[in-house]
Amino acid sequence: MKVSPGIPPLCPGFLRNMPGSDPNSPPPSFLSTGCAIPLPAAHSDKEMQDSIMATMKRLNMTMVVYGDATIIRNWKKVGGDRIIPGIGVSSPKDMSVVAFTDSLSSGFYKVMGEVAPQYQGLSPSDLSLDGYFAAAEKLNIPVGIHMGTGGNGMANLTSPKYRASMGDPLLLEDLLARHPKLKVWVMHAGYPLVDNMIALMGANAYVYVDMAGLIWSYSQVEVNAYLKRLVQAGFGKRIMYGTDMLIWPKLVETSLSIIENADYLSEEQKRDILFNNAVRFFRLDPEKFK
């Protein structure tokens, strides 16, 4: 996304404590800066781009990115094949099915995402969105759908249409039944509904998850418990690393450290989460990354 002026620093794990508020008081703060070393936000689009590109090169990363079209195209010019552009639709008001299909058909966009109907109070299986998913299925484009939490007091802060119930992974079932060749990854792993996430993945072999957002927002104890539960349930080959919100560029190292320091994961499982699973899901050539 574009960098707005005055974005405050971020404390990883800022959602470890979510006290309530009062409708007669100011709404709860989305961010918490009460930590020893908060992560600074980028001050400009160029600063964010330069920082992320340097990190991407240093850590040999390839990124699936989505958000502001101008930002994506600038990143693609600099990052080349390391940048995989995505385009998302969260409401029929965003663009027509014809315009969306044309955008996917152009060849620039390789991913449908981020799709976030939850912020509009819509189920991902809502028929108003079906034409967009049909286009992705026909063009063999993988889809990333936001499912799960949006933070503390999201419906009170910026998204009054946001509904926690619309983040239930099982709401994807009708969509997947209508489009059996659609390949979907559930962003934020459907947190906190791990049992429903496991049930959906058990029934649908083409569903993966990522740990983006979740991985740096909540306490490490909570994140590790969620990730461990998914692995214990047998889905270690369908979990992908993710970041989200790169206006705080250091979130890359922060989120990577959660995977790297997870003592319950084998080296093979870590390699799967950080590389192998994404290569398989996005149908990439592993030889190009050596």
C-alpha atoms as a PDB file:
ATOM      1  CA  MET A   1       0.000   0.000   0.000  1.00  0.00           C
ATOM      2  CA  LYS A   2       1.046   3.610  -0.266  1.00  0.00           C
ATOM      3  CA  VAL A   3       2.846   5.053   2.734  1.00  0.00           C
ATOM      4  CA  SER A   4       0.850   7.712   4.563  1.00  0.00           C
ATOM      5  CA  PRO A   5       2.668  10.342   6.628  1.00  0.00           C
ATOM      6  CA  GLY A   6       2.841   9.906  10.364  1.00  0.00           C
ATOM      7  CA  ILE A   7       2.427   6.126  10.608  1.00  0.00           C
ATOM      8  CA  PRO A   8       3.551   5.203  14.139  1.00  0.00           C
ATOM      9  CA  PRO A   9       6.116   2.527  14.979  1.00  0.00           C
ATOM     10  CA  LEU A  10       4.875  -1.009  15.533  1.00  0.00           C
ATOM     11  CA  CYS A  11       5.477  -3.440  18.373  1.00  0.00           C
ATOM     12  CA  PRO A  12       5.448  -7.064  17.185  1.00  0.00           C
ATOM     13  CA  GLY A  13       2.936  -9.049  19.192  1.00  0.00           C
ATOM     14  CA  PHE A  14       0.892  -5.904  19.786  1.00  0.00           C
ATOM     15  CA  LEU A  15      -2.314  -7.937  20.042  1.00  0.00           C
ATOM     16  CA  ARG A  16      -1.067  -9.947  23.023  1.00  0.00           C
ATOM     17  CA  ASN A  17      -3.241  -7.655  25.136  1.00  0.00           C
ATOM     18  CA  MET A  18      -6.654  -6.451  23.939  1.00  0.00           C
ATOM     19  CA  PRO A  19      -8.462  -4.585  26.707  1.00  0.00           C
ATOM     20  CA  GLY A  20     -12.004  -3.498  26.005  1.00  0.00           C
ATOM     21  CA  SER A  21     -13.150   0.067  25.512  1.00  0.00           C
ATOM     22  CA  ASP A  22     -16.356   2.027  26.008  1.00  0.00           C
ATOM     23  CA  PRO A  23     -18.638   3.555  23.355  1.00  0.00           C
ATOM     24  CA  ASN A  24     -18.467   6.860  25.266  1.00  0.00           C
ATOM     25  CA  SER A  25     -14.667   6.837  25.060  1.00  0.00           C
ATOM     26  CA  PRO A  26     -12.262   6.975  22.118  1.00  0.00           C
ATOM     27  CA  PRO A  27     -12.076   3.658  20.250  1.00  0.00           C
ATOM     28  CA  PRO A  28      -9.272   1.257  21.161  1.00  0.00           C
ATOM     29  CA  SER A  29      -5.887   1.882  19.590  1.00  0.00           C
ATOM     30  CA  PHE A  30      -5.067  -0.491  16.743  1.00  0.00           C
ATOM     31  CA  LEU A  31      -1.342  -0.383  17.491  1.00  0.00           C
ATOM     32  CA  SER A  32       0.694  -0.585  20.662  1.00  0.00           C
ATOM     33  CA  THR A  33       4.126   0.988  20.996  1.00  0.00           C
ATOM     34  CA  GLY A  34       4.837  -0.069  24.558  1.00  0.00           C
ATOM     35  CA  CYS A  35       7.840  -2.254  23.794  1.00  0.00           C
ATOM     36  CA  ALA A  36      11.602  -1.836  24.077  1.00  0.00           C
ATOM     37  CA  ILE A  37      12.339  -1.647  20.349  1.00  0.00           C
ATOM     38  CA  PRO A  38       9.298  -0.758  18.205  1.00  0.00           C
ATOM     39  CA  LEU A  39       9.751  -1.210  14.463  1.00  0.00           C
ATOM     40  CA  PRO A  40       9.836   2.077  12.534  1.00  0.00           C
ATOM     41  CA  ALA A  41       7.510   2.659   9.615  1.00  0.00           C
ATOM     42  CA  ALA A  42       8.820   3.738   6.232  1.00  0.00           C
ATOM     43  CA  HIS A  43       8.449   7.492   5.694  1.00  0.00           C
ATOM     44  CA  SER A  44       7.815   7.329   1.955  1.00  0.00           C
ATOM     45  CA  ASP A  45       6.945   4.934  -0.845  1.00  0.00           C
ATOM     46  CA  LYS A  46      10.568   5.036  -2.027  1.00  0.00           C
ATOM     47  CA  GLU A  47      11.957   4.291   1.428  1.00  0.00           C
ATOM     48  CA  MET A  48       9.657   1.268   1.742  1.00  0.00           C
ATOM     49  CA  GLN A  49      10.595   0.061  -1.732  1.00  0.00           C
ATOM     50  CA  ASP A  50      14.346   0.483  -1.230  1.00  0.00           C
ATOM     51  CA  SER A  51      14.266  -1.256   2.143  1.00  0.00           C
ATOM     52  CA  ILE A  52      12.167  -4.192   0.969  1.00  0.00           C
ATOM     53  CA  MET A  53      14.196  -4.639  -2.219  1.00  0.00           C
ATOM     54  CA  ALA A  54      17.422  -4.727  -0.219  1.00  0.00           C
ATOM     55  CA  THR A  55      15.975  -7.289   2.200  1.00  0.00           C
ATOM     56  CA  MET A  56      14.604  -9.356  -0.668  1.00  0.00           C
ATOM     57  CA  LYS A  57      18.001  -9.496  -2.345  1.00  0.00           C
ATOM     58  CA  ARG A  58      19.901 -10.200   0.884  1.00  0.00           C
ATOM     59  CA  LEU A  59      17.600 -13.056   1.925  1.00  0.00           C
ATOM     60  CA  ASN A  60      17.030 -14.421  -1.612  1.00  0.00           C
ATOM     61  CA  MET A  61      13.275 -13.856  -1.411  1.00  0.00           C
ATOM     62  CA  THR A  62      10.540 -13.904  -4.022  1.00  0.00           C
ATOM     63  CA  MET A  63       7.355 -12.071  -3.065  1.00  0.00           C
ATOM     64  CA  VAL A  64       3.716 -12.333  -4.019  1.00  0.00           C
ATOM     65  CA  VAL A  65       2.519  -8.733  -3.646  1.00  0.00           C
ATOM     66  CA  TYR A  66      -0.848  -7.029  -3.888  1.00  0.00           C
ATOM     67  CA  GLY A  67      -2.242  -3.623  -3.033  1.00  0.00           C
ATOM     68  CA  ASP A  68      -1.826  -0.301  -4.807  1.00  0.00           C
ATOM     69  CA  ALA A  69      -1.311  -0.859  -8.544  1.00  0.00           C
ATOM     70  CA  THR A  70       1.288   1.910  -8.899  1.00  0.00           C
ATOM     71  CA  ILE A  71       3.367   0.532  -6.030  1.00  0.00           C
ATOM     72  CA  ILE A  72       3.213  -2.981  -7.480  1.00  0.00           C
ATOM     73  CA  ARG A  73       4.361  -1.841 -10.914  1.00  0.00           C
ATOM     74  CA  ASN A  74       7.248   0.134  -9.416  1.00  0.00           C
ATOM     75  CA  TRP A  75       8.327  -2.900  -7.408  1.00  0.00           C
ATOM     76  CA  LYS A  76       8.070  -5.118 -10.479  1.00  0.00           C
ATOM     77  CA  LYS A  77      10.340  -2.773 -12.462  1.00  0.00           C
ATOM     78  CA  VAL A  78      13.005  -2.992  -9.775  1.00  0.00           C
ATOM     79  CA  GLY A  79      12.504  -6.552  -8.529  1.00  0.00           C
ATOM     80  CA  GLY A  80      11.851  -8.284 -11.849  1.00  0.00           C
ATOM     81  CA  ASP A  81      11.028 -11.975 -11.488  1.00  0.00           C
ATOM     82  CA  ARG A  82      11.339 -11.708  -7.701  1.00  0.00           C
ATOM     83  CA  ILE A  83       7.965  -9.898  -7.690  1.00  0.00           C
ATOM     84  CA  ILE A  84       4.775 -11.840  -8.450  1.00  0.00           C
ATOM     85  CA  PRO A  85       1.886  -9.343  -8.799  1.00  0.00           C
ATOM     86  CA  GLY A  86      -1.607 -10.032  -7.513  1.00  0.00           C
ATOM     87  CA  ILE A  87      -4.939  -8.285  -8.023  1.00  0.00           C
ATOM     88  CA  GLY A  88      -7.859  -8.692  -5.659  1.00  0.00           C
ATOM     89  CA  VAL A  89     -11.578  -8.012  -5.556  1.00  0.00           C
ATOM     90  CA  SER A  90     -13.428  -7.819  -2.244  1.00  0.00           C
ATOM     91  CA  SER A  91     -16.739  -6.434  -3.487  1.00  0.00           C
ATOM     92  CA  PRO A  92     -18.562  -6.238  -6.827  1.00  0.00           C
ATOM     93  CA  LYS A  93     -18.181  -2.472  -6.463  1.00  0.00           C
ATOM     94  CA  ASP A  94     -14.395  -2.743  -6.902  1.00  0.00           C
ATOM     95  CA  MET A  95     -14.545  -3.504 -10.625  1.00  0.00           C
ATOM     96  CA  SER A  96     -16.670  -5.407 -13.106  1.00  0.00           C
ATOM     97  CA  VAL A  97     -16.099  -9.089 -13.840  1.00  0.00           C
ATOM     98  CA  VAL A  98     -15.152  -8.122 -17.410  1.00  0.00           C
ATOM     99  CA  ALA A  99     -12.510  -5.624 -16.227  1.00  0.00           C
ATOM    100  CA  PHE A 100     -11.169  -8.119 -13.709  1.00  0.00           C
ATOM    101  CA  THR A 101     -10.964 -10.884 -16.309  1.00  0.00           C
ATOM    102  CA  ASP A 102      -9.157  -8.538 -18.703  1.00  0.00           C
ATOM    103  CA  SER A 103      -6.649  -7.680 -15.962  1.00  0.00           C
ATOM    104  CA  LEU A 104      -5.924 -11.355 -15.287  1.00  0.00           C
ATOM    105  CA  SER A 105      -5.759 -12.140 -19.012  1.00  0.00           C
ATOM    106  CA  SER A 106      -3.112  -9.444 -19.566  1.00  0.00           C
ATOM    107  CA  GLY A 107      -0.475 -11.727 -18.069  1.00  0.00           C
ATOM    108  CA  PHE A 108       0.882  -9.143 -15.628  1.00  0.00           C
ATOM    109  CA  TYR A 109      -1.098 -10.428 -12.651  1.00  0.00           C
ATOM    110  CA  LYS A 110      -0.296 -14.009 -11.662  1.00  0.00           C
ATOM    111  CA  VAL A 111      -2.435 -14.214  -8.521  1.00  0.00           C
ATOM    112  CA  MET A 112      -5.978 -13.275  -7.493  1.00  0.00           C
ATOM    113  CA  GLY A 113      -5.490 -11.658  -4.111  1.00  0.00           C
ATOM    114  CA  GLU A 114      -5.942 -10.194  -1.666  1.00  0.00           C
ATOM    115  CA  VAL A 115      -9.649 -11.055  -1.655  1.00  0.00           C
ATOM    116  CA  ALA A 116     -11.163  -9.724   1.571  1.00  0.00           C
ATOM    117  CA  PRO A 117     -14.979  -9.821   1.475  1.00  0.00           C
ATOM    118  CA  GLN A 118     -15.007 -10.213   5.256  1.00  0.00           C
ATOM    119  CA  TYR A 119     -14.380  -6.456   5.532  1.00  0.00           C
ATOM    120  CA  GLN A 120     -17.554  -5.910   3.504  1.00  0.00           C
ATOM    121  CA  GLY A 121     -19.589  -8.266   5.675  1.00  0.00           C
ATOM    122  CA  LEU A 122     -19.671 -10.802   2.839  1.00  0.00           C
ATOM    123  CA  SER A 123     -18.978 -14.515   2.764  1.00  0.00           C
ATOM    124  CA  PRO A 124     -16.361 -15.600   0.189  1.00  0.00           C
ATOM    125  CA  SER A 125     -19.088 -17.873  -1.191  1.00  0.00           C
ATOM    126  CA  ASP A 126     -21.450 -14.943  -1.777  1.00  0.00           C
ATOM    127  CA  LEU A 127     -22.767 -15.275  -5.326  1.00  0.00           C
ATOM    128  CA  SER A 128     -22.017 -11.625  -6.076  1.00  0.00           C
ATOM    129  CA  LEU A 129     -18.332 -12.616  -6.166  1.00  0.00           C
ATOM    130  CA  ASP A 130     -18.722 -15.866  -8.067  1.00  0.00           C
ATOM    131  CA  GLY A 131     -17.932 -14.469 -11.518  1.00  0.00           C
ATOM    132  CA  TYR A 132     -14.503 -13.314 -10.331  1.00  0.00           C
ATOM    133  CA  PHE A 133     -13.605 -16.716  -8.939  1.00  0.00           C
ATOM    134  CA  ALA A 134     -14.888 -18.334 -12.129  1.00  0.00           C
ATOM    135  CA  ALA A 135     -12.432 -16.195 -14.107  1.00  0.00           C
ATOM    136  CA  ALA A 136      -9.542 -17.251 -11.866  1.00  0.00           C
ATOM    137  CA  GLU A 137     -10.502 -20.914 -12.189  1.00  0.00           C
ATOM    138  CA  LYS A 138     -10.742 -20.695 -15.973  1.00  0.00           C
ATOM    139  CA  LEU A 139      -7.360 -18.966 -16.249  1.00  0.00           C
ATOM    140  CA  ASN A 140      -5.705 -21.330 -13.734  1.00  0.00           C
ATOM    141  CA  ILE A 141      -4.883 -18.463 -11.357  1.00  0.00           C
ATOM    142  CA  PRO A 142      -4.342 -19.223  -7.629  1.00  0.00           C
ATOM    143  CA  VAL A 143      -6.469 -17.272  -5.155  1.00  0.00           C
ATOM    144  CA  GLY A 144      -5.630 -15.761  -1.757  1.00  0.00           C
ATOM    145  CA  ILE A 145      -8.585 -15.036   0.549  1.00  0.00           C
ATOM    146  CA  HIS A 146      -8.473 -13.163   3.861  1.00  0.00           C
ATOM    147  CA  MET A 147     -10.055 -15.333   6.547  1.00  0.00           C
ATOM    148  CA  GLY A 148      -9.857 -14.675  10.269  1.00  0.00           C
ATOM    149  CA  THR A 149      -9.128 -11.838  12.588  1.00  0.00           C
ATOM    150  CA  GLY A 150      -8.641  -8.229  11.571  1.00  0.00           C
ATOM    151  CA  GLY A 151      -7.247  -6.964  14.866  1.00  0.00           C
ATOM    152  CA  ASN A 152      -8.705  -5.477  18.030  1.00  0.00           C
ATOM    153  CA  GLY A 153     -11.995  -3.623  17.539  1.00  0.00           C
ATOM    154  CA  MET A 154     -11.869  -3.624  13.739  1.00  0.00           C
ATOM    155  CA  ALA A 155     -15.627  -3.067  13.457  1.00  0.00           C
ATOM    156  CA  ASN A 156     -15.318  -0.056  15.795  1.00  0.00           C
ATOM    157  CA  LEU A 157     -12.293   1.502  14.125  1.00  0.00           C
ATOM    158  CA  THR A 158     -12.234   1.539  10.334  1.00  0.00           C
ATOM    159  CA  SER A 159     -14.488  -1.233   9.009  1.00  0.00           C
ATOM    160  CA  PRO A 160     -18.049  -1.102  10.379  1.00  0.00           C
ATOM    161  CA  LYS A 161     -19.108  -3.810   7.901  1.00  0.00           C
ATOM    162  CA  TYR A 162     -16.434  -6.208   9.163  1.00  0.00           C
ATOM    163  CA  ARG A 163     -17.889  -9.421  10.578  1.00  0.00           C
ATOM    164  CA  ALA A 164     -15.884 -11.998  12.506  1.00  0.00           C
ATOM    165  CA  SER A 165     -18.373 -14.670  11.415  1.00  0.00           C
ATOM    166  CA  MET A 166     -17.454 -14.063   7.764  1.00  0.00           C
ATOM    167  CA  GLY A 167     -13.895 -15.226   8.545  1.00  0.00           C
ATOM    168  CA  ASP A 168     -14.941 -18.804   9.221  1.00  0.00           C
ATOM    169  CA  PRO A 169     -12.934 -21.034   6.834  1.00  0.00           C
ATOM    170  CA  LEU A 170     -15.924 -23.346   6.415  1.00  0.00           C
ATOM    171  CA  LEU A 171     -17.674 -20.547   4.524  1.00  0.00           C
ATOM    172  CA  LEU A 172     -15.387 -21.443   1.627  1.00  0.00           C
ATOM    173  CA  GLU A 173     -17.061 -24.809   1.107  1.00  0.00           C
ATOM    174  CA  ASP A 174     -19.792 -23.682  -1.279  1.00  0.00           C
ATOM    175  CA  LEU A 175     -17.263 -21.676  -3.330  1.00  0.00           C
ATOM    176  CA  LEU A 176     -14.932 -24.661  -3.601  1.00  0.00           C
ATOM    177  CA  ALA A 177     -17.808 -26.959  -4.537  1.00  0.00           C
ATOM    178  CA  ARG A 178     -18.848 -24.622  -7.370  1.00  0.00           C
ATOM    179  CA  HIS A 179     -15.246 -24.299  -8.582  1.00  0.00           C
ATOM    180  CA  PRO A 180     -13.540 -27.660  -8.018  1.00  0.00           C
ATOM    181  CA  LYS A 181     -10.363 -26.694  -9.899  1.00  0.00           C
ATOM    182  CA  LEU A 182      -9.807 -23.498  -7.921  1.00  0.00           C
ATOM    183  CA  LYS A 183      -6.609 -23.429  -5.882  1.00  0.00           C
ATOM    184  CA  VAL A 184      -7.009 -21.311  -2.734  1.00  0.00           C
ATOM    185  CA  TRP A 185      -4.766 -20.263   0.077  1.00  0.00           C
ATOM    186  CA  VAL A 186      -6.352 -18.910   3.234  1.00  0.00           C
ATOM    187  CA  MET A 187      -4.523 -15.831   4.442  1.00  0.00           C
ATOM    188  CA  HIS A 188      -3.763 -15.628   8.155  1.00  0.00           C
ATOM    189  CA  ALA A 189      -4.603 -19.348   8.344  1.00  0.00           C
ATOM    190  CA  GLY A 190      -8.172 -18.605   9.372  1.00  0.00           C
ATOM    191  CA  TYR A 191      -7.049 -17.585  12.858  1.00  0.00           C
ATOM    192  CA  PRO A 192      -8.408 -18.222  15.454  1.00  0.00           C
ATOM    193  CA  LEU A 193     -10.684 -20.946  14.031  1.00  0.00           C
ATOM    194  CA  VAL A 194      -8.067 -23.670  13.785  1.00  0.00           C
ATOM    195  CA  ASP A 195     -10.487 -26.606  14.055  1.00  0.00           C
ATOM    196  CA  ASN A 196     -12.597 -25.315  11.170  1.00  0.00           C
ATOM    197  CA  MET A 197      -9.437 -24.610   9.186  1.00  0.00           C
ATOM    198  CA  ILE A 198      -8.271 -28.185   9.702  1.00  0.00           C
ATOM    199  CA  ALA A 199     -11.700 -29.526   8.735  1.00  0.00           C
ATOM    200  CA  LEU A 200     -11.726 -27.494   5.509  1.00  0.00           C
ATOM    201  CA  MET A 201      -8.190 -28.526   4.526  1.00  0.00           C
ATOM    202  CA  GLY A 202      -8.972 -32.149   5.283  1.00  0.00           C
ATOM    203  CA  ALA A 203     -11.927 -32.046   2.900  1.00  0.00           C
ATOM    204  CA  ASN A 204     -10.235 -29.969   0.178  1.00  0.00           C
ATOM    205  CA  ALA A 205      -6.796 -30.977  -1.039  1.00  0.00           C
ATOM    206  CA  TYR A 206      -6.228 -27.747  -3.005  1.00  0.00           C
ATOM    207  CA  VAL A 207      -6.466 -25.474   0.065  1.00  0.00           C
ATOM    208  CA  TYR A 208      -3.280 -24.096   1.647  1.00  0.00           C
ATOM    209  CA  VAL A 209      -2.741 -21.433   4.332  1.00  0.00           C
ATOM    210  CA  ASP A 210      -0.254 -18.685   5.062  1.00  0.00           C
ATOM    211  CA  MET A 211       0.873 -17.325   8.420  1.00  0.00           C
ATOM    212  CA  ALA A 212       0.897 -13.672   7.300  1.00  0.00           C
ATOM    213  CA  GLY A 213      -0.342 -11.005   9.692  1.00  0.00           C
ATOM    214  CA  LEU A 214      -1.038 -13.527  12.409  1.00  0.00           C
ATOM    215  CA  ILE A 215       2.656 -14.295  12.777  1.00  0.00           C
ATOM    216  CA  TRP A 216       3.679 -10.855  14.067  1.00  0.00           C
ATOM    217  CA  SER A 217       0.425  -9.547  15.537  1.00  0.00           C
ATOM    218  CA  TYR A 218      -0.153 -11.961  18.399  1.00  0.00           C
ATOM    219  CA  SER A 219       2.030 -13.288  21.190  1.00  0.00           C
ATOM    220  CA  GLN A 220       4.632 -15.835  20.158  1.00  0.00           C
ATOM    221  CA  VAL A 221       3.004 -18.374  22.477  1.00  0.00           C
ATOM    222  CA  GLU A 222      -0.313 -17.987  20.656  1.00  0.00           C
ATOM    223  CA  VAL A 223       1.238 -18.030  17.184  1.00  0.00           C
ATOM    224  CA  ASN A 224       3.340 -21.095  17.929  1.00  0.00           C
ATOM    225  CA  ALA A 225       0.372 -22.936  19.417  1.00  0.00           C
ATOM    226  CA  TYR A 226      -1.679 -22.256  16.261  1.00  0.00           C
ATOM    227  CA  LEU A 227       1.108 -23.218  13.870  1.00  0.00           C
ATOM    228  CA  LYS A 228       1.971 -26.327  15.884  1.00  0.00           C
ATOM    229  CA  ARG A 229      -1.669 -27.426  15.822  1.00  0.00           C
ATOM    230  CA  LEU A 230      -1.760 -27.204  12.014  1.00  0.00           C
ATOM    231  CA  VAL A 231       1.475 -29.192  11.730  1.00  0.00           C
ATOM    232  CA  GLN A 232       0.337 -31.802  14.227  1.00  0.00           C
ATOM    233  CA  ALA A 233      -2.855 -32.239  12.207  1.00  0.00           C
ATOM    234  CA  GLY A 234      -0.717 -33.232   9.223  1.00  0.00           C
ATOM    235  CA  PHE A 235      -0.695 -30.062   7.130  1.00  0.00           C
ATOM    236  CA  GLY A 236       3.006 -29.180   7.255  1.00  0.00           C
ATOM    237  CA  LYS A 237       3.145 -29.425   3.454  1.00  0.00           C
ATOM    238  CA  ARG A 238       0.390 -26.823   3.033  1.00  0.00           C
ATOM    239  CA  ILE A 239       1.579 -23.963   5.267  1.00  0.00           C
ATOM    240  CA  MET A 240       3.314 -20.966   3.688  1.00  0.00           C
ATOM    241  CA  TYR A 241       5.303 -18.118   5.146  1.00  0.00           C
ATOM    242  CA  GLY A 242       3.872 -14.614   4.774  1.00  0.00           C
ATOM    243  CA  THR A 243       4.368 -11.058   5.988  1.00  0.00           C
ATOM    244  CA  ASP A 244       1.600  -8.473   5.345  1.00  0.00           C
ATOM    245  CA  MET A 245       1.840  -4.724   6.034  1.00  0.00           C
ATOM    246  CA  LEU A 246       5.342  -4.036   4.708  1.00  0.00           C
ATOM    247  CA  ILE A 247       5.068  -0.350   5.531  1.00  0.00           C
ATOM    248  CA  TRP A 248       7.049  -1.618   8.547  1.00  0.00           C
ATOM    249  CA  PRO A 249       9.884  -3.216   6.523  1.00  0.00           C
ATOM    250  CA  LYS A 250      11.503  -5.007   9.474  1.00  0.00           C
ATOM    251  CA  LEU A 251       8.426  -7.227   9.764  1.00  0.00           C
ATOM    252  CA  VAL A 252      10.186  -9.538   7.315  1.00  0.00           C
ATOM    253  CA  GLU A 253      12.930 -10.418   9.794  1.00  0.00           C
ATOM    254  CA  THR A 254      10.440 -10.442  12.678  1.00  0.00           C
ATOM    255  CA  SER A 255       8.130 -12.946  11.041  1.00  0.00           C
ATOM    256  CA  LEU A 256      10.955 -15.096   9.664  1.00  0.00           C
ATOM    257  CA  SER A 257      12.379 -15.458  13.160  1.00  0.00           C
ATOM    258  CA  ILE A 258       9.158 -17.086  14.376  1.00  0.00           C
ATOM    259  CA  ILE A 259       9.597 -19.898  11.850  1.00  0.00           C
ATOM    260  CA  GLU A 260      13.359 -20.183  12.246  1.00  0.00           C
ATOM    261  CA  ASN A 261      13.185 -20.390  16.059  1.00  0.00           C
ATOM    262  CA  ALA A 262      10.261 -22.841  16.242  1.00  0.00           C
ATOM    263  CA  ASP A 263      11.856 -25.767  18.107  1.00  0.00           C
ATOM    264  CA  TYR A 264       8.882 -28.017  17.346  1.00  0.00           C
ATOM    265  CA  LEU A 265       9.584 -27.807  13.591  1.00  0.00           C
ATOM    266  CA  SER A 266      12.204 -29.955  11.896  1.00  0.00           C
ATOM    267  CA  GLU A 267      14.589 -28.374   9.420  1.00  0.00           C
ATOM    268  CA  GLU A 268      12.607 -30.048   6.651  1.00  0.00           C
ATOM    269  CA  GLN A 269       9.354 -28.552   7.941  1.00  0.00           C
ATOM    270  CA  LYS A 270      10.910 -25.091   8.144  1.00  0.00           C
ATOM    271  CA  ARG A 271      12.171 -25.458   4.581  1.00  0.00           C
ATOM    272  CA  ASP A 272       8.691 -26.479   3.482  1.00  0.00           C
ATOM    273  CA  ILE A 273       7.072 -23.424   5.093  1.00  0.00           C
ATOM    274  CA  LEU A 274       9.696 -20.998   3.824  1.00  0.00           C
ATOM    275  CA  PHE A 275      10.125 -22.385   0.315  1.00  0.00           C
ATOM    276  CA  ASN A 276       8.875 -25.770  -0.872  1.00  0.00           C
ATOM    277  CA  ASN A 277       5.169 -25.302  -0.178  1.00  0.00           C
ATOM    278  CA  ALA A 278       4.980 -21.947  -1.958  1.00  0.00           C
ATOM    279  CA  VAL A 279       6.892 -23.284  -4.963  1.00  0.00           C
ATOM    280  CA  ARG A 280       4.364 -26.120  -5.207  1.00  0.00           C
ATOM    281  CA  PHE A 281       1.295 -23.945  -4.637  1.00  0.00           C
ATOM    282  CA  PHE A 282       2.250 -21.214  -7.116  1.00  0.00           C
ATOM    283  CA  ARG A 283       3.557 -23.771  -9.641  1.00  0.00           C
ATOM    284  CA  LEU A 284       7.041 -22.261  -9.749  1.00  0.00           C
ATOM    285  CA  ASP A 285      10.229 -23.850 -11.065  1.00  0.00           C
ATOM    286  CA  PRO A 286      12.521 -24.596  -8.078  1.00  0.00           C
ATOM    287  CA  GLU A 287      15.562 -24.661 -10.365  1.00  0.00           C
ATOM    288  CA  LYS A 288      15.216 -20.903 -10.905  1.00  0.00           C
ATOM    289  CA  PHE A 289      15.917 -20.246  -7.228  1.00  0.00           C
ATOM    290  CA  LYS A 290      19.254 -22.005  -6.904  1.00  0.00           C
END
